[in-house]
C-alpha atoms as a PDB file:
ATOM      1  CA  MET A   1      58.605   8.312  -0.360  1.00  0.00           C
ATOM      2  CA  THR A   2      59.746   5.668   2.028  1.00  0.00           C
ATOM      3  CA  ASP A   3      59.620   5.944   5.798  1.00  0.00           C
ATOM      4  CA  LYS A   4      63.117   6.678   7.257  1.00  0.00           C
ATOM      5  CA  THR A   5      62.660   3.893   9.817  1.00  0.00           C
ATOM      6  CA  GLU A   6      62.215   1.396   6.986  1.00  0.00           C
ATOM      7  CA  GLN A   7      65.346   2.686   5.264  1.00  0.00           C
ATOM      8  CA  LEU A   8      67.398   2.303   8.453  1.00  0.00           C
ATOM      9  CA  THR A   9      66.278  -1.276   9.102  1.00  0.00           C
ATOM     10  CA  PRO A  10      69.281  -3.644   8.944  1.00  0.00           C
ATOM     11  CA  ARG A  11      69.376  -5.801   5.819  1.00  0.00           C
ATOM     12  CA  PRO A  12      71.160  -9.059   5.110  1.00  0.00           C
ATOM     13  CA  THR A  13      74.541  -8.901   3.395  1.00  0.00           C
ATOM     14  CA  PRO A  14      74.075  -9.108  -0.395  1.00  0.00           C
ATOM     15  CA  ARG A  15      75.340 -12.335  -1.990  1.00  0.00           C
ATOM     16  CA  GLU A  16      77.180 -12.240  -5.302  1.00  0.00           C
ATOM     17  CA  GLY A  17      75.281 -13.988  -8.078  1.00  0.00           C
ATOM     18  CA  GLU A  18      71.967 -13.912  -6.244  1.00  0.00           C
ATOM     19  CA  ASP A  19      71.714 -10.301  -5.123  1.00  0.00           C
ATOM     20  CA  PHE A  20      74.246  -8.567  -7.358  1.00  0.00           C
ATOM     21  CA  TYR A  21      76.757  -9.053 -10.150  1.00  0.00           C
ATOM     22  CA  TRP A  22      79.769  -7.092 -11.366  1.00  0.00           C
ATOM     23  CA  GLU A  23      79.719  -5.149 -14.603  1.00  0.00           C
ATOM     24  CA  GLY A  24      83.252  -3.862 -14.932  1.00  0.00           C
ATOM     25  CA  ARG A  25      83.924  -1.993 -11.711  1.00  0.00           C
ATOM     26  CA  TYR A  26      80.225  -1.472 -10.975  1.00  0.00           C
ATOM     27  CA  MET A  27      78.122  -3.590  -8.633  1.00  0.00           C
ATOM     28  CA  VAL A  28      74.682  -4.099 -10.217  1.00  0.00           C
ATOM     29  CA  PHE A  29      71.917  -5.153  -7.832  1.00  0.00           C
ATOM     30  CA  THR A  30      69.381  -7.698  -9.081  1.00  0.00           C
ATOM     31  CA  GLU A  31      65.612  -7.491  -8.835  1.00  0.00           C
ATOM     32  CA  ALA A  32      65.819 -10.084  -6.022  1.00  0.00           C
ATOM     33  CA  TRP A  33      67.925  -7.699  -3.934  1.00  0.00           C
ATOM     34  CA  HIS A  34      65.592  -4.771  -4.558  1.00  0.00           C
ATOM     35  CA  LEU A  35      62.645  -6.880  -3.434  1.00  0.00           C
ATOM     36  CA  LYS A  36      64.544  -7.814  -0.250  1.00  0.00           C
ATOM     37  CA  ARG A  37      65.228  -4.118   0.364  1.00  0.00           C
ATOM     38  CA  GLY A  38      61.533  -3.424   0.007  1.00  0.00           C
ATOM     39  CA  TYR A  39      61.458   0.042  -1.583  1.00  0.00           C
ATOM     40  CA  CYS A  40      62.784   2.159  -4.457  1.00  0.00           C
ATOM     41  CA  CYS A  41      65.976   3.911  -3.322  1.00  0.00           C
ATOM     42  CA  GLY A  42      65.671   6.659  -5.958  1.00  0.00           C
ATOM     43  CA  SER A  43      68.931   5.860  -7.772  1.00  0.00           C
ATOM     44  CA  ALA A  44      67.317   4.781 -11.083  1.00  0.00           C
ATOM     45  CA  CYS A  45      68.611   1.228 -10.665  1.00  0.00           C
ATOM     46  CA  ARG A  46      68.583  -0.975 -13.757  1.00  0.00           C
ATOM     47  CA  HIS A  47      66.549  -3.795 -12.157  1.00  0.00           C
ATOM     48  CA  CYS A  48      64.173  -1.722 -10.010  1.00  0.00           C
ATOM     49  CA  PRO A  49      60.874  -3.619  -9.586  1.00  0.00           C
ATOM     50  CA  TYR A  50      59.168  -0.514  -8.168  1.00  0.00           C
ATOM     51  CA  GLY A  51      58.957   1.486 -11.389  1.00  0.00           C
ATOM     52  CA  HIS A  52      61.538   4.046 -10.199  1.00  0.00           C
ATOM     53  CA  GLU A  53      58.846   5.604  -8.004  1.00  0.00           C
ATOM     54  CA  ASN A  54      61.351   7.595  -5.891  1.00  0.00           C
ATOM     55  CA  VAL A  55      63.632   8.722  -8.722  1.00  0.00           C
ATOM     56  CA  PRO A  56      63.611  12.506  -9.217  1.00  0.00           C
ATOM     57  CA  GLN A  57      61.902  13.581 -12.445  1.00  0.00           C
ATOM     58  CA  LYS A  58      65.156  14.946 -13.959  1.00  0.00           C
ATOM     59  CA  ALA A  59      66.876  11.551 -13.656  1.00  0.00           C
ATOM     60  CA  THR A  60      64.025   9.644 -15.321  1.00  0.00           C
ATOM     61  CA  SER A  61      63.645  12.073 -18.222  1.00  0.00           C
ATOM     62  CA  ALA A  62      67.383  11.979 -18.992  1.00  0.00           C
ATOM     63  CA  LYS A  63      67.272   8.236 -19.702  1.00  0.00           C
END
């Protein structure tokens, strides 16, 4: 898991097109944004470059 201090570190504001795009009403973060964040958030994101390392087992097996 990720250190809480790292998770609470302020991040730059995401920029549309570079860091995220819209798919219907959903904001989809790009791999570039995830790399800026620096860790897997555990939400099973589509473009996670960290191999979903913090995603609970139930969420990964349901996909």
